[in-house]
Amino acid sequence: MNQNINQSKGHFRTALSRLYRKKIAVICIVILIIIYFSGIFAFLIAPYEYTAQDYTNIKKPPSIEHWMGTDRAGRDVFSRVLWGVQNTVIITFVAILTGGIFIGVGLGLISGYRGGRLDSLIMRIGEISSSFPDILLVLILAATLRPRVLNFIRHIEDTYNINGLVKTGIADYVVVSLALVSFGWIGTARLMRAQVLSIKQNQYIDSARSIGASTSRILFLHLMPNAISPLVVSITMGMGALVGTEIILSWLGLGIQPPRPSLGRMLLEGGSISVLREEPWLLIGPGIVVFLLIICWNLLGDALNDVLNPRTR
């Protein structure tokens, strides 16, 4: 056991050293850390409230007072971008942790190890779901869930005399997260199942069964650690897709609702020809952040694929 732990530490250190030598990956990690920490601590960093209106500074270009300018309501664009990033951070991490990791990895492990009817059932459900365009199903689910979730939260407010739950935007968080989670597990489950089908043929798995190791021990101590490398790459690259999907939902009006700012909504408001001609900073600020989020996650996924792929070592 100690030898396996030492080997795991050795592989981990080797992977880190290989990743450190990839300058693009390091730059992407630094950019992502800066953006995500800025969003998480938006309540400390943002110089203004995202709803604060200054009628003396309407449609002002970037300045020392307003780094990204102000919008047509006199609101600070930089503050709203920070709060929009916070929404993206919360939704994407909830979706990837619950759907991509918890549900996807769990179902993939069980499907690949158990096989039989359970494997067929899980894979058929995934195939039926993936036969439709993901974005279409997410849109349908988000549009149908929101009124029900909103009514449920209002019922909680009325029943327990809790004020302000709806204003916090919790209904939007729940709806978008559920929509992304519902279809975000399929790719991870397929990848994990394929890895388990290959790994469970090894002799050390048969040895673990012969000495009476429990199913959970075999799954989480023998199978999952040996399938973690492609999983890390898949989840990293999937983060870029989740960010894009969340922004598209907000852009279509099915994501985070006003007055809470969202990057997708800001892109929609700043995407018209008249705005581009007269106030281009309304699109440049959130546009650069969205571009950096998606491109950095994709580049980091490519770098991790090179680092963790045995054929490139």
Protein backbone atom coordinates (compact mmCIF):
# COMPACT_ATOMS: atom_id res chain seq x y z
CA MET A 1 0.00 0.00 0.00
CA ASN A 2 2.81 2.41 0.92
CA GLN A 3 4.52 1.60 -2.38
CA ASN A 4 1.34 2.47 -4.30
CA ILE A 5 1.04 5.74 -2.40
CA ASN A 6 4.66 6.63 -3.15
CA GLN A 7 4.15 5.78 -6.82
CA SER A 8 1.04 7.98 -6.93
CA LYS A 9 2.98 10.84 -5.37
CA GLY A 10 5.76 10.30 -7.87
CA HIS A 11 3.35 10.38 -10.83
CA PHE A 12 1.67 13.48 -9.40
CA ARG A 13 4.96 15.32 -8.97
CA THR A 14 6.07 14.30 -12.46
CA ALA A 15 2.81 15.58 -13.94
CA LEU A 16 3.16 18.88 -12.08
CA SER A 17 6.73 19.36 -13.31
CA ARG A 18 5.66 18.61 -16.89
CA LEU A 19 2.75 21.03 -16.56
CA TYR A 20 5.01 23.72 -15.14
CA ARG A 21 7.22 23.50 -18.23
CA LYS A 22 4.24 24.34 -20.44
CA LYS A 23 4.18 28.13 -20.31
CA ILE A 24 0.78 28.43 -21.98
CA ALA A 25 -0.76 26.18 -19.32
CA VAL A 26 0.81 28.22 -16.52
CA ILE A 27 -0.46 31.46 -18.05
CA CYS A 28 -3.96 29.98 -18.40
CA ILE A 29 -3.96 28.83 -14.77
CA VAL A 30 -2.89 32.28 -13.57
CA ILE A 31 -5.57 34.01 -15.69
CA LEU A 32 -8.29 31.62 -14.48
CA ILE A 33 -7.25 32.08 -10.84
CA ILE A 34 -7.36 35.87 -11.19
CA ILE A 35 -10.78 35.86 -12.91
CA TYR A 36 -12.36 33.34 -10.56
CA PHE A 37 -11.03 34.90 -7.36
CA SER A 38 -12.18 38.32 -8.60
CA GLY A 39 -15.65 36.90 -9.11
CA ILE A 40 -15.77 35.04 -5.80
CA PHE A 41 -14.72 38.16 -3.88
CA ALA A 42 -16.71 40.58 -6.00
CA PHE A 43 -18.41 41.94 -2.88
CA LEU A 44 -14.97 43.12 -1.70
CA ILE A 45 -13.34 44.09 -5.01
CA ALA A 46 -16.21 45.76 -6.88
CA PRO A 47 -15.95 49.55 -6.38
CA TYR A 48 -19.71 50.02 -6.76
CA GLU A 49 -22.92 48.06 -6.21
CA TYR A 50 -24.05 46.35 -9.41
CA THR A 51 -27.40 48.18 -9.21
CA ALA A 52 -25.96 51.60 -8.27
CA GLN A 53 -26.89 54.24 -10.86
CA ASP A 54 -25.01 57.49 -11.38
CA TYR A 55 -27.07 59.74 -13.65
CA THR A 56 -24.17 62.16 -13.97
CA ASN A 57 -22.00 59.46 -15.59
CA ILE A 58 -24.25 57.79 -18.15
CA LYS A 59 -22.52 56.13 -21.12
CA LYS A 60 -19.10 57.34 -20.01
CA PRO A 61 -16.00 55.69 -21.57
CA PRO A 62 -13.38 53.96 -19.39
CA SER A 63 -11.68 56.30 -16.92
CA ILE A 64 -9.86 56.20 -13.60
CA GLU A 65 -13.20 56.39 -11.79
CA HIS A 66 -14.86 53.71 -13.94
CA TRP A 67 -12.27 51.29 -15.35
CA MET A 68 -14.60 49.76 -17.93
CA GLY A 69 -16.89 52.73 -18.32
CA THR A 70 -20.56 52.98 -17.47
CA ASP A 71 -23.66 51.65 -19.22
CA ARG A 72 -26.80 53.44 -20.38
CA ALA A 73 -28.20 53.42 -16.84
CA GLY A 74 -25.05 54.91 -15.31
CA ARG A 75 -23.97 51.61 -13.73
CA ASP A 76 -20.29 50.71 -13.41
CA VAL A 77 -19.47 48.05 -16.04
CA PHE A 78 -16.44 46.72 -14.13
CA SER A 79 -18.51 46.02 -11.01
CA ARG A 80 -21.20 44.29 -13.06
CA VAL A 81 -18.61 42.14 -14.85
CA LEU A 82 -17.23 40.98 -11.48
CA TRP A 83 -20.69 40.01 -10.26
CA GLY A 84 -21.40 38.34 -13.59
CA VAL A 85 -18.23 36.26 -13.19
CA GLN A 86 -19.42 35.26 -9.71
CA ASN A 87 -22.66 33.90 -11.19
CA THR A 88 -20.69 31.94 -13.78
CA VAL A 89 -18.35 30.54 -11.12
CA ILE A 90 -21.20 29.34 -8.90
CA ILE A 91 -23.25 27.75 -11.67
CA THR A 92 -20.42 26.04 -13.55
CA PHE A 93 -18.77 24.62 -10.44
CA VAL A 94 -22.07 23.31 -9.08
CA ALA A 95 -22.81 21.73 -12.46
CA ILE A 96 -19.38 20.13 -12.88
CA LEU A 97 -19.16 18.88 -9.28
CA THR A 98 -22.63 17.35 -9.20
CA GLY A 99 -23.19 16.33 -12.81
CA GLY A 100 -19.73 15.88 -14.26
CA ILE A 101 -18.03 14.36 -11.22
CA PHE A 102 -20.53 12.96 -8.72
CA ILE A 103 -23.19 11.63 -11.12
CA GLY A 104 -21.02 11.02 -14.18
CA VAL A 105 -18.16 9.28 -12.39
CA GLY A 106 -20.50 7.30 -10.16
CA LEU A 107 -22.67 6.01 -12.98
CA GLY A 108 -19.64 5.32 -15.17
CA LEU A 109 -17.96 3.27 -12.44
CA ILE A 110 -21.09 1.25 -11.72
CA SER A 111 -21.93 0.76 -15.38
CA GLY A 112 -18.46 -0.44 -16.36
CA TYR A 113 -17.90 -2.65 -13.32
CA ARG A 114 -21.33 -4.25 -12.97
CA GLY A 115 -22.19 -4.61 -16.64
CA GLY A 116 -25.32 -6.53 -17.63
CA ARG A 117 -28.75 -4.95 -17.51
CA LEU A 118 -27.67 -2.08 -15.29
CA ASP A 119 -24.97 -1.12 -17.78
CA SER A 120 -27.47 -1.31 -20.66
CA LEU A 121 -30.02 0.81 -18.77
CA ILE A 122 -27.54 3.58 -17.91
CA MET A 123 -26.05 3.69 -21.40
CA ARG A 124 -29.44 3.64 -23.15
CA ILE A 125 -30.60 6.61 -21.06
CA GLY A 126 -27.42 8.44 -22.01
CA GLU A 127 -27.81 7.57 -25.69
CA ILE A 128 -31.41 8.77 -25.78
CA SER A 129 -30.44 12.06 -24.12
CA SER A 130 -27.42 12.60 -26.38
CA SER A 131 -29.45 11.92 -29.53
CA PHE A 132 -30.92 15.42 -29.18
CA PRO A 133 -28.90 18.65 -29.32
CA ASP A 134 -27.72 19.39 -25.79
CA ILE A 135 -28.40 23.10 -25.97
CA LEU A 136 -32.00 22.47 -27.15
CA LEU A 137 -32.73 20.16 -24.21
CA VAL A 138 -31.10 22.57 -21.77
CA LEU A 139 -33.23 25.42 -23.15
CA ILE A 140 -36.44 23.38 -22.83
CA LEU A 141 -35.60 22.29 -19.30
CA ALA A 142 -34.62 25.79 -18.17
CA ALA A 143 -37.77 27.31 -19.66
CA THR A 144 -40.11 24.76 -18.06
CA LEU A 145 -38.42 24.57 -14.66
CA ARG A 146 -38.12 28.24 -13.80
CA PRO A 147 -41.83 29.01 -13.11
CA ARG A 148 -42.12 25.95 -10.85
CA VAL A 149 -38.93 26.66 -8.94
CA LEU A 150 -39.90 30.32 -8.57
CA ASN A 151 -43.34 29.40 -7.19
CA PHE A 152 -41.73 26.94 -4.76
CA ILE A 153 -39.34 29.58 -3.42
CA ARG A 154 -42.18 32.08 -3.06
CA HIS A 155 -44.13 29.43 -1.14
CA ILE A 156 -41.18 29.04 1.23
CA GLU A 157 -41.05 32.83 1.72
CA ASP A 158 -44.76 32.97 2.54
CA THR A 159 -44.77 29.89 4.77
CA TYR A 160 -41.70 30.69 6.89
CA ASN A 161 -41.84 34.50 6.66
CA ILE A 162 -38.46 34.68 4.94
CA ASN A 163 -37.98 37.80 2.85
CA GLY A 164 -35.55 38.31 0.00
CA LEU A 165 -35.05 34.75 -1.25
CA VAL A 166 -36.37 35.56 -4.71
CA LYS A 167 -34.27 38.75 -4.89
CA THR A 168 -31.07 36.78 -4.25
CA GLY A 169 -31.58 35.00 -7.58
CA ILE A 170 -31.54 31.55 -5.98
CA ALA A 171 -34.29 30.40 -8.35
CA ASP A 172 -32.12 31.23 -11.36
CA TYR A 173 -29.14 29.43 -9.84
CA VAL A 174 -31.22 26.31 -9.21
CA VAL A 175 -32.82 26.30 -12.66
CA VAL A 176 -29.61 26.81 -14.66
CA SER A 177 -27.65 24.37 -12.49
CA LEU A 178 -30.31 21.66 -12.85
CA ALA A 179 -30.48 22.20 -16.60
CA LEU A 180 -26.70 21.84 -16.95
CA VAL A 181 -26.44 18.91 -14.52
CA SER A 182 -29.20 16.94 -16.25
CA PHE A 183 -27.12 16.47 -19.40
CA GLY A 184 -23.60 17.15 -18.16
CA TRP A 185 -23.02 13.63 -16.81
CA ILE A 186 -23.30 11.70 -20.09
CA GLY A 187 -19.82 12.31 -21.52
CA THR A 188 -18.10 11.72 -18.17
CA ALA A 189 -20.05 8.50 -17.58
CA ARG A 190 -19.11 7.15 -21.01
CA LEU A 191 -15.44 7.98 -20.51
CA MET A 192 -15.31 6.43 -17.04
CA ARG A 193 -17.15 3.31 -18.23
CA ALA A 194 -14.67 2.81 -21.07
CA GLN A 195 -11.74 3.16 -18.68
CA VAL A 196 -13.27 0.74 -16.17
CA LEU A 197 -14.00 -1.87 -18.85
CA SER A 198 -10.32 -1.80 -19.78
CA ILE A 199 -8.83 -1.64 -16.29
CA LYS A 200 -11.01 -4.30 -14.64
CA GLN A 201 -9.40 -6.98 -16.84
CA ASN A 202 -6.07 -6.52 -15.03
CA GLN A 203 -4.81 -9.14 -12.62
CA TYR A 204 -4.70 -6.87 -9.59
CA ILE A 205 -8.48 -6.45 -9.83
CA ASP A 206 -8.91 -10.25 -9.82
CA SER A 207 -6.53 -10.42 -6.86
CA ALA A 208 -8.59 -7.84 -4.96
CA ARG A 209 -11.76 -9.84 -5.60
CA SER A 210 -10.08 -13.10 -4.50
CA ILE A 211 -9.06 -11.71 -1.12
CA GLY A 212 -12.60 -10.48 -0.49
CA ALA A 213 -12.26 -6.76 -1.19
CA SER A 214 -15.60 -4.97 -1.16
CA THR A 215 -17.09 -3.52 -4.32
CA SER A 216 -16.70 0.05 -3.04
CA ARG A 217 -13.02 -0.58 -2.26
CA ILE A 218 -12.38 -1.95 -5.75
CA LEU A 219 -14.26 0.93 -7.37
CA PHE A 220 -12.72 3.83 -5.45
CA LEU A 221 -9.26 2.52 -4.52
CA HIS A 222 -8.34 0.42 -7.53
CA LEU A 223 -10.41 1.43 -10.55
CA MET A 224 -11.02 5.18 -10.19
CA PRO A 225 -7.42 6.26 -9.39
CA ASN A 226 -6.17 4.47 -12.51
CA ALA A 227 -8.83 6.16 -14.67
CA ILE A 228 -8.31 9.66 -13.28
CA SER A 229 -5.99 11.04 -15.99
CA PRO A 230 -8.45 11.12 -18.93
CA LEU A 231 -11.16 12.21 -16.50
CA VAL A 232 -9.18 15.30 -15.46
CA VAL A 233 -8.67 16.25 -19.10
CA SER A 234 -12.34 15.73 -19.93
CA ILE A 235 -13.58 17.79 -16.98
CA THR A 236 -11.11 20.60 -17.65
CA MET A 237 -12.16 20.93 -21.28
CA GLY A 238 -15.80 20.51 -20.28
CA MET A 239 -15.55 23.59 -18.06
CA GLY A 240 -15.13 25.75 -21.15
CA ALA A 241 -18.27 24.24 -22.67
CA LEU A 242 -20.21 24.78 -19.42
CA VAL A 243 -19.14 28.42 -19.27
CA GLY A 244 -20.30 28.89 -22.86
CA THR A 245 -23.64 27.17 -22.22
CA GLU A 246 -24.33 29.24 -19.10
CA ILE A 247 -23.59 32.44 -21.02
CA ILE A 248 -25.83 31.38 -23.92
CA LEU A 249 -28.70 30.70 -21.49
CA SER A 250 -28.32 34.17 -19.99
CA TRP A 251 -28.02 35.68 -23.46
CA LEU A 252 -31.33 34.05 -24.42
CA GLY A 253 -33.01 35.28 -21.24
CA LEU A 254 -33.23 31.84 -19.58
CA GLY A 255 -30.30 32.23 -17.19
CA ILE A 256 -29.67 34.73 -14.41
CA GLN A 257 -32.41 37.34 -14.46
CA PRO A 258 -32.11 41.10 -13.80
CA PRO A 259 -31.31 42.91 -11.60
CA ARG A 260 -28.53 40.33 -11.04
CA PRO A 261 -25.91 40.96 -13.75
CA SER A 262 -24.77 38.13 -16.01
CA LEU A 263 -22.10 38.02 -18.69
CA GLY A 264 -24.54 36.69 -21.28
CA ARG A 265 -27.03 39.48 -20.64
CA MET A 266 -24.26 42.09 -20.84
CA LEU A 267 -23.12 40.67 -24.17
CA LEU A 268 -26.71 40.86 -25.44
CA GLU A 269 -27.11 44.49 -24.34
CA GLY A 270 -23.77 45.49 -25.86
CA GLY A 271 -24.07 43.54 -29.09
CA SER A 272 -26.19 45.89 -31.19
CA ILE A 273 -24.71 47.95 -34.02
CA SER A 274 -25.63 51.25 -32.37
CA VAL A 275 -23.90 50.28 -29.13
CA LEU A 276 -20.80 49.08 -30.98
CA ARG A 277 -20.56 52.43 -32.75
CA GLU A 278 -21.24 54.69 -29.78
CA GLU A 279 -20.32 52.71 -26.63
CA PRO A 280 -18.06 49.79 -27.64
CA TRP A 281 -16.74 49.42 -24.07
CA LEU A 282 -20.08 47.88 -23.09
CA LEU A 283 -19.14 44.84 -25.17
CA ILE A 284 -15.36 44.90 -24.85
CA GLY A 285 -15.26 44.39 -21.06
CA PRO A 286 -17.52 41.33 -20.69
CA GLY A 287 -16.43 40.05 -24.12
CA ILE A 288 -12.77 39.85 -23.11
CA VAL A 289 -13.65 38.05 -19.86
CA VAL A 290 -15.83 35.48 -21.67
CA PHE A 291 -13.15 34.93 -24.31
CA LEU A 292 -10.46 34.40 -21.66
CA LEU A 293 -12.60 31.97 -19.65
CA ILE A 294 -13.40 29.73 -22.60
CA ILE A 295 -10.01 29.83 -24.33
CA CYS A 296 -8.05 29.31 -21.10
CA TRP A 297 -10.08 26.25 -20.09
CA ASN A 298 -9.65 24.73 -23.55
CA LEU A 299 -5.91 25.43 -23.71
CA LEU A 300 -5.46 24.07 -20.18
CA GLY A 301 -7.32 20.91 -21.19
CA ASP A 302 -5.01 20.44 -24.19
CA ALA A 303 -1.97 20.93 -21.96
CA LEU A 304 -3.23 18.43 -19.39
CA ASN A 305 -3.86 15.94 -22.17
CA ASP A 306 -0.20 16.22 -23.20
CA VAL A 307 0.97 15.99 -19.59
CA LEU A 308 -1.17 13.02 -18.54
CA ASN A 309 -1.13 11.07 -21.80
CA PRO A 310 1.35 8.18 -21.44
CA ARG A 311 2.19 8.28 -25.15
CA THR A 312 3.64 11.79 -24.83
CA ARG A 313 5.89 11.03 -21.85
